[in-house]
PDB file of N, CA and C in Angstrom:
ATOM      1  N   MET A   1       2.540 -12.867  12.444  1.00  0.00           N
ATOM      2  CA  MET A   1       2.474 -13.335  11.073  1.00  0.00           C
ATOM      3  C   MET A   1       1.205 -12.764  10.438  1.00  0.00           C
ATOM      4  N   LYS A   2       1.340 -12.181   9.262  1.00  0.00           N
ATOM      5  CA  LYS A   2       0.193 -11.643   8.533  1.00  0.00           C
ATOM      6  C   LYS A   2      -0.178 -12.630   7.427  1.00  0.00           C
ATOM      7  N   ILE A   3      -1.437 -13.050   7.429  1.00  0.00           N
ATOM      8  CA  ILE A   3      -1.909 -14.018   6.440  1.00  0.00           C
ATOM      9  C   ILE A   3      -3.047 -13.372   5.658  1.00  0.00           C
ATOM     10  N   GLU A   4      -2.885 -13.321   4.338  1.00  0.00           N
ATOM     11  CA  GLU A   4      -3.902 -12.758   3.463  1.00  0.00           C
ATOM     12  C   GLU A   4      -4.409 -13.846   2.525  1.00  0.00           C
ATOM     13  N   PHE A   5      -5.719 -13.869   2.350  1.00  0.00           N
ATOM     14  CA  PHE A   5      -6.354 -14.796   1.420  1.00  0.00           C
ATOM     15  C   PHE A   5      -7.144 -13.951   0.433  1.00  0.00           C
ATOM     16  N   LEU A   6      -6.690 -13.922  -0.819  1.00  0.00           N
ATOM     17  CA  LEU A   6      -7.323 -13.116  -1.859  1.00  0.00           C
ATOM     18  C   LEU A   6      -8.122 -14.026  -2.780  1.00  0.00           C
ATOM     19  N   TYR A   7      -9.329 -13.582  -3.105  1.00  0.00           N
ATOM     20  CA  TYR A   7     -10.228 -14.408  -3.909  1.00  0.00           C
ATOM     21  C   TYR A   7     -11.271 -13.518  -4.558  1.00  0.00           C
ATOM     22  N   PHE A   8     -12.082 -14.111  -5.421  1.00  0.00           N
ATOM     23  CA  PHE A   8     -13.281 -13.410  -5.885  1.00  0.00           C
ATOM     24  C   PHE A   8     -14.467 -14.347  -5.751  1.00  0.00           C
ATOM     25  N   GLU A   9     -15.633 -13.741  -5.489  1.00  0.00           N
ATOM     26  CA  GLU A   9     -16.860 -14.529  -5.375  1.00  0.00           C
ATOM     27  C   GLU A   9     -17.080 -15.288  -6.684  1.00  0.00           C
ATOM     28  N   GLY A  10     -17.495 -16.513  -6.569  1.00  0.00           N
ATOM     29  CA  GLY A  10     -17.726 -17.337  -7.741  1.00  0.00           C
ATOM     30  C   GLY A  10     -16.535 -18.187  -8.135  1.00  0.00           C
ATOM     31  N   CYS A  11     -15.393 -17.967  -7.495  1.00  0.00           N
ATOM     32  CA  CYS A  11     -14.218 -18.804  -7.772  1.00  0.00           C
ATOM     33  C   CYS A  11     -14.533 -20.226  -7.307  1.00  0.00           C
ATOM     34  N   PRO A  12     -14.392 -21.213  -8.193  1.00  0.00           N
ATOM     35  CA  PRO A  12     -14.744 -22.574  -7.804  1.00  0.00           C
ATOM     36  C   PRO A  12     -13.758 -23.211  -6.826  1.00  0.00           C
ATOM     37  N   ASN A  13     -12.608 -22.568  -6.613  1.00  0.00           N
ATOM     38  CA  ASN A  13     -11.568 -23.180  -5.784  1.00  0.00           C
ATOM     39  C   ASN A  13     -11.309 -22.482  -4.456  1.00  0.00           C
ATOM     40  N   HIS A  14     -11.914 -21.327  -4.241  1.00  0.00           N
ATOM     41  CA  HIS A  14     -11.505 -20.579  -3.052  1.00  0.00           C
ATOM     42  C   HIS A  14     -11.934 -21.239  -1.741  1.00  0.00           C
ATOM     43  N   ALA A  15     -13.077 -21.877  -1.679  1.00  0.00           N
ATOM     44  CA  ALA A  15     -13.514 -22.513  -0.426  1.00  0.00           C
ATOM     45  C   ALA A  15     -12.590 -23.669  -0.044  1.00  0.00           C
ATOM     46  N   LEU A  16     -12.222 -24.486  -1.013  1.00  0.00           N
ATOM     47  CA  LEU A  16     -11.311 -25.608  -0.723  1.00  0.00           C
ATOM     48  C   LEU A  16      -9.928 -25.111  -0.335  1.00  0.00           C
ATOM     49  N   ALA A  17      -9.450 -24.076  -1.019  1.00  0.00           N
ATOM     50  CA  ALA A  17      -8.134 -23.522  -0.700  1.00  0.00           C
ATOM     51  C   ALA A  17      -8.125 -22.914   0.701  1.00  0.00           C
ATOM     52  N   LEU A  18      -9.186 -22.223   1.063  1.00  0.00           N
ATOM     53  CA  LEU A  18      -9.274 -21.631   2.395  1.00  0.00           C
ATOM     54  C   LEU A  18      -9.294 -22.718   3.473  1.00  0.00           C
ATOM     55  N   ALA A  19     -10.035 -23.772   3.237  1.00  0.00           N
ATOM     56  CA  ALA A  19     -10.078 -24.886   4.193  1.00  0.00           C
ATOM     57  C   ALA A  19      -8.693 -25.517   4.348  1.00  0.00           C
ATOM     58  N   LEU A  20      -7.978 -25.659   3.249  1.00  0.00           N
ATOM     59  CA  LEU A  20      -6.629 -26.232   3.282  1.00  0.00           C
ATOM     60  C   LEU A  20      -5.676 -25.315   4.055  1.00  0.00           C
ATOM     61  N   LEU A  21      -5.789 -24.017   3.838  1.00  0.00           N
ATOM     62  CA  LEU A  21      -4.963 -23.061   4.577  1.00  0.00           C
ATOM     63  C   LEU A  21      -5.249 -23.159   6.074  1.00  0.00           C
ATOM     64  N   LYS A  22      -6.518 -23.150   6.450  1.00  0.00           N
ATOM     65  CA  LYS A  22      -6.893 -23.229   7.865  1.00  0.00           C
ATOM     66  C   LYS A  22      -6.393 -24.521   8.501  1.00  0.00           C
ATOM     67  N   LYS A  23      -6.529 -25.612   7.778  1.00  0.00           N
ATOM     68  CA  LYS A  23      -6.068 -26.916   8.284  1.00  0.00           C
ATOM     69  C   LYS A  23      -4.574 -26.875   8.581  1.00  0.00           C
ATOM     70  N   ASN A  24      -3.795 -26.329   7.655  1.00  0.00           N
ATOM     71  CA  ASN A  24      -2.348 -26.319   7.835  1.00  0.00           C
ATOM     72  C   ASN A  24      -1.885 -25.300   8.872  1.00  0.00           C
ATOM     73  N   LEU A  25      -2.618 -24.207   9.033  1.00  0.00           N
ATOM     74  CA  LEU A  25      -2.299 -23.287  10.121  1.00  0.00           C
ATOM     75  C   LEU A  25      -2.506 -23.980  11.465  1.00  0.00           C
ATOM     76  N   ALA A  26      -3.573 -24.763  11.580  1.00  0.00           N
ATOM     77  CA  ALA A  26      -3.833 -25.495  12.816  1.00  0.00           C
ATOM     78  C   ALA A  26      -2.751 -26.545  13.069  1.00  0.00           C
ATOM     79  N   ILE A  27      -2.372 -27.273  12.032  1.00  0.00           N
ATOM     80  CA  ILE A  27      -1.330 -28.299  12.185  1.00  0.00           C
ATOM     81  C   ILE A  27      -0.021 -27.666  12.647  1.00  0.00           C
ATOM     82  N   GLU A  28       0.303 -26.506  12.078  1.00  0.00           N
ATOM     83  CA  GLU A  28       1.550 -25.807  12.422  1.00  0.00           C
ATOM     84  C   GLU A  28       1.412 -24.959  13.691  1.00  0.00           C
ATOM     85  N   GLU A  29       0.241 -25.057  14.333  1.00  0.00           N
ATOM     86  CA  GLU A  29      -0.040 -24.348  15.579  1.00  0.00           C
ATOM     87  C   GLU A  29       0.143 -22.838  15.443  1.00  0.00           C
ATOM     88  N   VAL A  30      -0.360 -22.308  14.341  1.00  0.00           N
ATOM     89  CA  VAL A  30      -0.351 -20.870  14.109  1.00  0.00           C
ATOM     90  C   VAL A  30      -1.763 -20.369  14.378  1.00  0.00           C
ATOM     91  N   ASP A  31      -1.896 -19.618  15.453  1.00  0.00           N
ATOM     92  CA  ASP A  31      -3.192 -19.075  15.843  1.00  0.00           C
ATOM     93  C   ASP A  31      -3.253 -17.621  15.392  1.00  0.00           C
ATOM     94  N   GLN A  32      -3.477 -17.445  14.124  1.00  0.00           N
ATOM     95  CA  GLN A  32      -3.472 -16.122  13.521  1.00  0.00           C
ATOM     96  C   GLN A  32      -4.687 -15.969  12.632  1.00  0.00           C
ATOM     97  N   GLY A  33      -5.333 -14.825  12.709  1.00  0.00           N
ATOM     98  CA  GLY A  33      -6.465 -14.570  11.834  1.00  0.00           C
ATOM     99  C   GLY A  33      -6.035 -14.449  10.383  1.00  0.00           C
ATOM    100  N   ILE A  34      -6.969 -14.689   9.524  1.00  0.00           N
ATOM    101  CA  ILE A  34      -6.728 -14.589   8.083  1.00  0.00           C
ATOM    102  C   ILE A  34      -7.454 -13.358   7.573  1.00  0.00           C
ATOM    103  N   GLU A  35      -6.730 -12.478   6.912  1.00  0.00           N
ATOM    104  CA  GLU A  35      -7.350 -11.302   6.304  1.00  0.00           C
ATOM    105  C   GLU A  35      -7.956 -11.734   4.968  1.00  0.00           C
ATOM    106  N   MET A  36      -9.267 -11.700   4.891  1.00  0.00           N
ATOM    107  CA  MET A  36      -9.983 -12.087   3.681  1.00  0.00           C
ATOM    108  C   MET A  36     -10.107 -10.869   2.773  1.00  0.00           C
ATOM    109  N   ILE A  37      -9.612 -10.989   1.551  1.00  0.00           N
ATOM    110  CA  ILE A  37      -9.659  -9.878   0.603  1.00  0.00           C
ATOM    111  C   ILE A  37     -10.456 -10.327  -0.610  1.00  0.00           C
ATOM    112  N   ASN A  38     -11.679  -9.807  -0.717  1.00  0.00           N
ATOM    113  CA  ASN A  38     -12.541 -10.124  -1.846  1.00  0.00           C
ATOM    114  C   ASN A  38     -12.223  -9.133  -2.966  1.00  0.00           C
ATOM    115  N   VAL A  39     -11.602  -9.623  -4.002  1.00  0.00           N
ATOM    116  CA  VAL A  39     -11.216  -8.790  -5.135  1.00  0.00           C
ATOM    117  C   VAL A  39     -12.398  -8.781  -6.106  1.00  0.00           C
ATOM    118  N   ASP A  40     -13.051  -7.627  -6.205  1.00  0.00           N
ATOM    119  CA  ASP A  40     -14.268  -7.589  -7.017  1.00  0.00           C
ATOM    120  C   ASP A  40     -14.211  -6.600  -8.171  1.00  0.00           C
ATOM    121  N   SER A  41     -13.003  -6.144  -8.517  1.00  0.00           N
ATOM    122  CA  SER A  41     -12.875  -5.259  -9.678  1.00  0.00           C
ATOM    123  C   SER A  41     -11.443  -5.301 -10.201  1.00  0.00           C
ATOM    124  N   VAL A  42     -11.285  -4.892 -11.434  1.00  0.00           N
ATOM    125  CA  VAL A  42      -9.951  -4.826 -12.040  1.00  0.00           C
ATOM    126  C   VAL A  42      -9.084  -3.840 -11.265  1.00  0.00           C
ATOM    127  N   GLU A  43      -9.677  -2.750 -10.821  1.00  0.00           N
ATOM    128  CA  GLU A  43      -8.929  -1.735 -10.074  1.00  0.00           C
ATOM    129  C   GLU A  43      -8.364  -2.317  -8.780  1.00  0.00           C
ATOM    130  N   ILE A  44      -9.188  -3.067  -8.058  1.00  0.00           N
ATOM    131  CA  ILE A  44      -8.715  -3.696  -6.818  1.00  0.00           C
ATOM    132  C   ILE A  44      -7.684  -4.767  -7.134  1.00  0.00           C
ATOM    133  N   ALA A  45      -7.873  -5.489  -8.223  1.00  0.00           N
ATOM    134  CA  ALA A  45      -6.895  -6.505  -8.628  1.00  0.00           C
ATOM    135  C   ALA A  45      -5.524  -5.871  -8.852  1.00  0.00           C
ATOM    136  N   GLN A  46      -5.487  -4.741  -9.532  1.00  0.00           N
ATOM    137  CA  GLN A  46      -4.214  -4.056  -9.772  1.00  0.00           C
ATOM    138  C   GLN A  46      -3.632  -3.521  -8.460  1.00  0.00           C
ATOM    139  N   LYS A  47      -4.472  -2.891  -7.660  1.00  0.00           N
ATOM    140  CA  LYS A  47      -4.027  -2.283  -6.400  1.00  0.00           C
ATOM    141  C   LYS A  47      -3.455  -3.318  -5.431  1.00  0.00           C
ATOM    142  N   THR A  48      -4.079  -4.494  -5.378  1.00  0.00           N
ATOM    143  CA  THR A  48      -3.648  -5.533  -4.439  1.00  0.00           C
ATOM    144  C   THR A  48      -2.642  -6.512  -5.051  1.00  0.00           C
ATOM    145  N   ARG A  49      -2.277  -6.280  -6.309  1.00  0.00           N
ATOM    146  CA  ARG A  49      -1.334  -7.171  -7.020  1.00  0.00           C
ATOM    147  C   ARG A  49      -1.873  -8.611  -7.036  1.00  0.00           C
ATOM    148  N   PHE A  50      -3.138  -8.713  -7.432  1.00  0.00           N
ATOM    149  CA  PHE A  50      -3.886  -9.973  -7.411  1.00  0.00           C
ATOM    150  C   PHE A  50      -3.464 -10.860  -8.582  1.00  0.00           C
ATOM    151  N   LEU A  51      -2.906 -12.015  -8.255  1.00  0.00           N
ATOM    152  CA  LEU A  51      -2.427 -12.953  -9.265  1.00  0.00           C
ATOM    153  C   LEU A  51      -3.477 -13.969  -9.676  1.00  0.00           C
ATOM    154  N   GLY A  52      -4.662 -13.861  -9.127  1.00  0.00           N
ATOM    155  CA  GLY A  52      -5.746 -14.783  -9.460  1.00  0.00           C
ATOM    156  C   GLY A  52      -6.298 -15.433  -8.214  1.00  0.00           C
ATOM    157  N   SER A  53      -7.491 -15.991  -8.358  1.00  0.00           N
ATOM    158  CA  SER A  53      -8.199 -16.587  -7.233  1.00  0.00           C
ATOM    159  C   SER A  53      -8.072 -18.100  -7.240  1.00  0.00           C
ATOM    160  N   PRO A  54      -7.704 -18.651  -6.094  1.00  0.00           N
ATOM    161  CA  PRO A  54      -7.345 -18.041  -4.829  1.00  0.00           C
ATOM    162  C   PRO A  54      -5.840 -17.770  -4.745  1.00  0.00           C
ATOM    163  N   SER A  55      -5.477 -16.738  -4.011  1.00  0.00           N
ATOM    164  CA  SER A  55      -4.068 -16.426  -3.749  1.00  0.00           C
ATOM    165  C   SER A  55      -3.876 -16.328  -2.241  1.00  0.00           C
ATOM    166  N   ILE A  56      -2.720 -16.789  -1.792  1.00  0.00           N
ATOM    167  CA  ILE A  56      -2.375 -16.740  -0.372  1.00  0.00           C
ATOM    168  C   ILE A  56      -1.043 -16.016  -0.235  1.00  0.00           C
ATOM    169  N   ARG A  57      -1.017 -15.067   0.676  1.00  0.00           N
ATOM    170  CA  ARG A  57       0.232 -14.373   1.008  1.00  0.00           C
ATOM    171  C   ARG A  57       0.472 -14.507   2.500  1.00  0.00           C
ATOM    172  N   ILE A  58       1.712 -14.777   2.832  1.00  0.00           N
ATOM    173  CA  ILE A  58       2.112 -14.844   4.230  1.00  0.00           C
ATOM    174  C   ILE A  58       3.236 -13.833   4.416  1.00  0.00           C
ATOM    175  N   ASN A  59       2.991 -12.884   5.306  1.00  0.00           N
ATOM    176  CA  ASN A  59       3.911 -11.765   5.523  1.00  0.00           C
ATOM    177  C   ASN A  59       4.242 -11.047   4.223  1.00  0.00           C
ATOM    178  N   GLY A  60       3.219 -10.883   3.399  1.00  0.00           N
ATOM    179  CA  GLY A  60       3.366 -10.142   2.148  1.00  0.00           C
ATOM    180  C   GLY A  60       3.944 -10.917   0.989  1.00  0.00           C
ATOM    181  N   LYS A  61       4.320 -12.167   1.222  1.00  0.00           N
ATOM    182  CA  LYS A  61       4.928 -12.989   0.170  1.00  0.00           C
ATOM    183  C   LYS A  61       3.922 -13.992  -0.372  1.00  0.00           C
ATOM    184  N   ASP A  62       3.763 -14.002  -1.686  1.00  0.00           N
ATOM    185  CA  ASP A  62       2.912 -15.001  -2.310  1.00  0.00           C
ATOM    186  C   ASP A  62       3.545 -16.370  -2.093  1.00  0.00           C
ATOM    187  N   ILE A  63       2.725 -17.388  -1.866  1.00  0.00           N
ATOM    188  CA  ILE A  63       3.293 -18.711  -1.581  1.00  0.00           C
ATOM    189  C   ILE A  63       3.936 -19.358  -2.801  1.00  0.00           C
ATOM    190  N   GLU A  64       3.669 -18.837  -3.980  1.00  0.00           N
ATOM    191  CA  GLU A  64       4.226 -19.429  -5.208  1.00  0.00           C
ATOM    192  C   GLU A  64       4.807 -18.327  -6.088  1.00  0.00           C
ATOM    193  N   THR A  65       5.863 -17.721  -5.657  1.00  0.00           N
ATOM    194  CA  THR A  65       6.402 -16.618  -6.449  1.00  0.00           C
ATOM    195  C   THR A  65       7.369 -17.064  -7.527  1.00  0.00           C
ATOM    196  N   SER A  66       7.970 -18.223  -7.392  1.00  0.00           N
ATOM    197  CA  SER A  66       9.017 -18.605  -8.336  1.00  0.00           C
ATOM    198  C   SER A  66       8.488 -18.904  -9.736  1.00  0.00           C
ATOM    199  N   ASP A  67       7.248 -19.337  -9.852  1.00  0.00           N
ATOM    200  CA  ASP A  67       6.717 -19.738 -11.155  1.00  0.00           C
ATOM    201  C   ASP A  67       5.666 -18.780 -11.704  1.00  0.00           C
ATOM    202  N   VAL A  68       5.544 -17.614 -11.109  1.00  0.00           N
ATOM    203  CA  VAL A  68       4.468 -16.706 -11.478  1.00  0.00           C
ATOM    204  C   VAL A  68       5.039 -15.403 -12.016  1.00  0.00           C
ATOM    205  N   ASP A  69       4.460 -14.906 -13.097  1.00  0.00           N
ATOM    206  CA  ASP A  69       4.794 -13.580 -13.602  1.00  0.00           C
ATOM    207  C   ASP A  69       4.189 -12.577 -12.636  1.00  0.00           C
ATOM    208  N   LEU A  70       5.033 -11.918 -11.865  1.00  0.00           N
ATOM    209  CA  LEU A  70       4.555 -11.069 -10.791  1.00  0.00           C
ATOM    210  C   LEU A  70       3.931  -9.760 -11.249  1.00  0.00           C
ATOM    211  N   SER A  71       3.777  -9.571 -12.543  1.00  0.00           N
ATOM    212  CA  SER A  71       3.100  -8.364 -13.018  1.00  0.00           C
ATOM    213  C   SER A  71       1.792  -8.695 -13.727  1.00  0.00           C
ATOM    214  N   ASP A  72       1.419  -9.944 -13.731  1.00  0.00           N
ATOM    215  CA  ASP A  72       0.212 -10.389 -14.424  1.00  0.00           C
ATOM    216  C   ASP A  72      -0.990 -10.336 -13.477  1.00  0.00           C
ATOM    217  N   TYR A  73      -1.382  -9.119 -13.076  1.00  0.00           N
ATOM    218  CA  TYR A  73      -2.475  -8.933 -12.133  1.00  0.00           C
ATOM    219  C   TYR A  73      -3.792  -8.823 -12.877  1.00  0.00           C
ATOM    220  N   GLY A  74      -4.846  -9.385 -12.305  1.00  0.00           N
ATOM    221  CA  GLY A  74      -6.152  -9.252 -12.927  1.00  0.00           C
ATOM    222  C   GLY A  74      -7.176 -10.208 -12.363  1.00  0.00           C
ATOM    223  N   MET A  75      -8.373 -10.096 -12.898  1.00  0.00           N
ATOM    224  CA  MET A  75      -9.504 -10.910 -12.481  1.00  0.00           C
ATOM    225  C   MET A  75      -9.472 -12.237 -13.251  1.00  0.00           C
ATOM    226  N   LYS A  76      -8.966 -13.262 -12.594  1.00  0.00           N
ATOM    227  CA  LYS A  76      -8.834 -14.562 -13.252  1.00  0.00           C
ATOM    228  C   LYS A  76      -8.708 -15.657 -12.202  1.00  0.00           C
ATOM    229  N   CYS A  77      -8.893 -16.869 -12.653  1.00  0.00           N
ATOM    230  CA  CYS A  77      -8.647 -18.020 -11.794  1.00  0.00           C
ATOM    231  C   CYS A  77      -7.145 -18.268 -11.749  1.00  0.00           C
ATOM    232  N   ARG A  78      -6.685 -18.720 -10.625  1.00  0.00           N
ATOM    233  CA  ARG A  78      -5.268 -18.991 -10.421  1.00  0.00           C
ATOM    234  C   ARG A  78      -5.000 -20.451 -10.730  1.00  0.00           C
ATOM    235  N   ILE A  79      -3.878 -20.711 -11.375  1.00  0.00           N
ATOM    236  CA  ILE A  79      -3.432 -22.076 -11.630  1.00  0.00           C
ATOM    237  C   ILE A  79      -2.093 -22.259 -10.928  1.00  0.00           C
ATOM    238  N   TYR A  80      -2.015 -23.293 -10.100  1.00  0.00           N
ATOM    239  CA  TYR A  80      -0.784 -23.617  -9.376  1.00  0.00           C
ATOM    240  C   TYR A  80      -0.094 -24.790 -10.055  1.00  0.00           C
ATOM    241  N   ILE A  81       1.211 -24.717 -10.106  1.00  0.00           N
ATOM    242  CA  ILE A  81       2.020 -25.794 -10.661  1.00  0.00           C
ATOM    243  C   ILE A  81       2.551 -26.607  -9.484  1.00  0.00           C
ATOM    244  N   GLY A  82       2.276 -27.867  -9.489  1.00  0.00           N
ATOM    245  CA  GLY A  82       2.719 -28.732  -8.405  1.00  0.00           C
ATOM    246  C   GLY A  82       2.111 -30.100  -8.598  1.00  0.00           C
ATOM    247  N   GLY A  83       2.843 -31.104  -8.220  1.00  0.00           N
ATOM    248  CA  GLY A  83       2.325 -32.450  -8.421  1.00  0.00           C
ATOM    249  C   GLY A  83       2.332 -32.806  -9.900  1.00  0.00           C
ATOM    250  N   ALA A  84       1.475 -33.729 -10.270  1.00  0.00           N
ATOM    251  CA  ALA A  84       1.450 -34.229 -11.649  1.00  0.00           C
ATOM    252  C   ALA A  84       0.792 -33.253 -12.615  1.00  0.00           C
ATOM    253  N   ASP A  85      -0.218 -32.546 -12.163  1.00  0.00           N
ATOM    254  CA  ASP A  85      -0.986 -31.684 -13.055  1.00  0.00           C
ATOM    255  C   ASP A  85      -1.180 -30.306 -12.440  1.00  0.00           C
ATOM    256  N   PRO A  86      -1.300 -29.282 -13.277  1.00  0.00           N
ATOM    257  CA  PRO A  86      -1.665 -27.955 -12.753  1.00  0.00           C
ATOM    258  C   PRO A  86      -3.046 -28.033 -12.085  1.00  0.00           C
ATOM    259  N   THR A  87      -3.239 -27.199 -11.062  1.00  0.00           N
ATOM    260  CA  THR A  87      -4.479 -27.248 -10.309  1.00  0.00           C
ATOM    261  C   THR A  87      -4.887 -25.843  -9.883  1.00  0.00           C
ATOM    262  N   GLY A  88      -6.140 -25.648  -9.610  1.00  0.00           N
ATOM    263  CA  GLY A  88      -6.649 -24.369  -9.141  1.00  0.00           C
ATOM    264  C   GLY A  88      -6.566 -24.210  -7.635  1.00  0.00           C
ATOM    265  N   ILE A  89      -6.120 -25.243  -6.955  1.00  0.00           N
ATOM    266  CA  ILE A  89      -5.962 -25.213  -5.500  1.00  0.00           C
ATOM    267  C   ILE A  89      -4.471 -25.283  -5.189  1.00  0.00           C
ATOM    268  N   PRO A  90      -3.978 -24.410  -4.312  1.00  0.00           N
ATOM    269  CA  PRO A  90      -2.536 -24.445  -4.030  1.00  0.00           C
ATOM    270  C   PRO A  90      -2.135 -25.777  -3.413  1.00  0.00           C
ATOM    271  N   PRO A  91      -1.040 -26.342  -3.894  1.00  0.00           N
ATOM    272  CA  PRO A  91      -0.550 -27.589  -3.309  1.00  0.00           C
ATOM    273  C   PRO A  91      -0.239 -27.401  -1.824  1.00  0.00           C
ATOM    274  N   GLU A  92      -0.577 -28.400  -1.056  1.00  0.00           N
ATOM    275  CA  GLU A  92      -0.396 -28.329   0.389  1.00  0.00           C
ATOM    276  C   GLU A  92       1.057 -28.059   0.773  1.00  0.00           C
ATOM    277  N   ASP A  93       2.007 -28.617   0.016  1.00  0.00           N
ATOM    278  CA  ASP A  93       3.411 -28.397   0.370  1.00  0.00           C
ATOM    279  C   ASP A  93       3.814 -26.927   0.242  1.00  0.00           C
ATOM    280  N   LEU A  94       3.218 -26.188  -0.697  1.00  0.00           N
ATOM    281  CA  LEU A  94       3.504 -24.756  -0.807  1.00  0.00           C
ATOM    282  C   LEU A  94       3.001 -24.006   0.423  1.00  0.00           C
ATOM    283  N   ILE A  95       1.829 -24.365   0.880  1.00  0.00           N
ATOM    284  CA  ILE A  95       1.258 -23.717   2.063  1.00  0.00           C
ATOM    285  C   ILE A  95       2.117 -24.015   3.285  1.00  0.00           C
ATOM    286  N   ILE A  96       2.434 -25.283   3.490  1.00  0.00           N
ATOM    287  CA  ILE A  96       3.233 -25.686   4.644  1.00  0.00           C
ATOM    288  C   ILE A  96       4.601 -25.017   4.620  1.00  0.00           C
ATOM    289  N   LYS A  97       5.248 -25.031   3.471  1.00  0.00           N
ATOM    290  CA  LYS A  97       6.582 -24.428   3.345  1.00  0.00           C
ATOM    291  C   LYS A  97       6.539 -22.946   3.699  1.00  0.00           C
ATOM    292  N   SER A  98       5.549 -22.235   3.203  1.00  0.00           N
ATOM    293  CA  SER A  98       5.440 -20.804   3.479  1.00  0.00           C
ATOM    294  C   SER A  98       5.184 -20.538   4.959  1.00  0.00           C
ATOM    295  N   ILE A  99       4.328 -21.330   5.561  1.00  0.00           N
ATOM    296  CA  ILE A  99       4.039 -21.157   6.988  1.00  0.00           C
ATOM    297  C   ILE A  99       5.284 -21.408   7.816  1.00  0.00           C
ATOM    298  N   THR A 100       5.960 -22.516   7.562  1.00  0.00           N
ATOM    299  CA  THR A 100       7.124 -22.862   8.385  1.00  0.00           C
ATOM    300  C   THR A 100       8.272 -21.878   8.175  1.00  0.00           C
ATOM    301  N   GLU A 101       8.463 -21.411   6.943  1.00  0.00           N
ATOM    302  CA  GLU A 101       9.524 -20.428   6.695  1.00  0.00           C
ATOM    303  C   GLU A 101       9.238 -19.135   7.451  1.00  0.00           C
ATOM    304  N   GLU A 102       8.016 -18.679   7.426  1.00  0.00           N
ATOM    305  CA  GLU A 102       7.690 -17.421   8.095  1.00  0.00           C
ATOM    306  C   GLU A 102       7.658 -17.584   9.615  1.00  0.00           C
ATOM    307  N   LYS A 103       7.312 -18.767  10.098  1.00  0.00           N
ATOM    308  CA  LYS A 103       7.401 -19.023  11.542  1.00  0.00           C
ATOM    309  C   LYS A 103       8.854 -18.899  11.996  1.00  0.00           C
ATOM    310  N   GLY A 104       9.756 -19.410  11.176  1.00  0.00           N
ATOM    311  CA  GLY A 104      11.182 -19.346  11.495  1.00  0.00           C
ATOM    312  C   GLY A 104      11.741 -17.933  11.442  1.00  0.00           C
ATOM    313  N   ASN A 105      11.103 -17.053  10.690  1.00  0.00           N
ATOM    314  CA  ASN A 105      11.580 -15.672  10.581  1.00  0.00           C
ATOM    315  C   ASN A 105      11.042 -14.778  11.685  1.00  0.00           C
ATOM    316  N   ASN A 106      10.106 -15.292  12.474  1.00  0.00           N
ATOM    317  CA  ASN A 106       9.506 -14.477  13.543  1.00  0.00           C
ATOM    318  C   ASN A 106      10.114 -14.784  14.886  1.00  0.00           C
TER     319      ASN A 106
END
């Protein structure tokens, strides 16, 4: 399983999102390293198809593709839709769902 965590320095949500990802990987007993991708320029944002900080991809799939304009790449904070209010931290159910789906595909 390939796990990518894309962020930019100064993002107020990336540390909490990373901790949540690590917690759920441990719960799901996935012992896999996380590729940390620090997006520090517009060029890298375009090249990596960066949807905003923080972003999580598992096996190349963004954990929230259904509600995101997949061509809106750039240097920005990410907003996730889930629960009662939009948030800058990915909802735990999105992380868990992505992990379990990809575990089942391997």
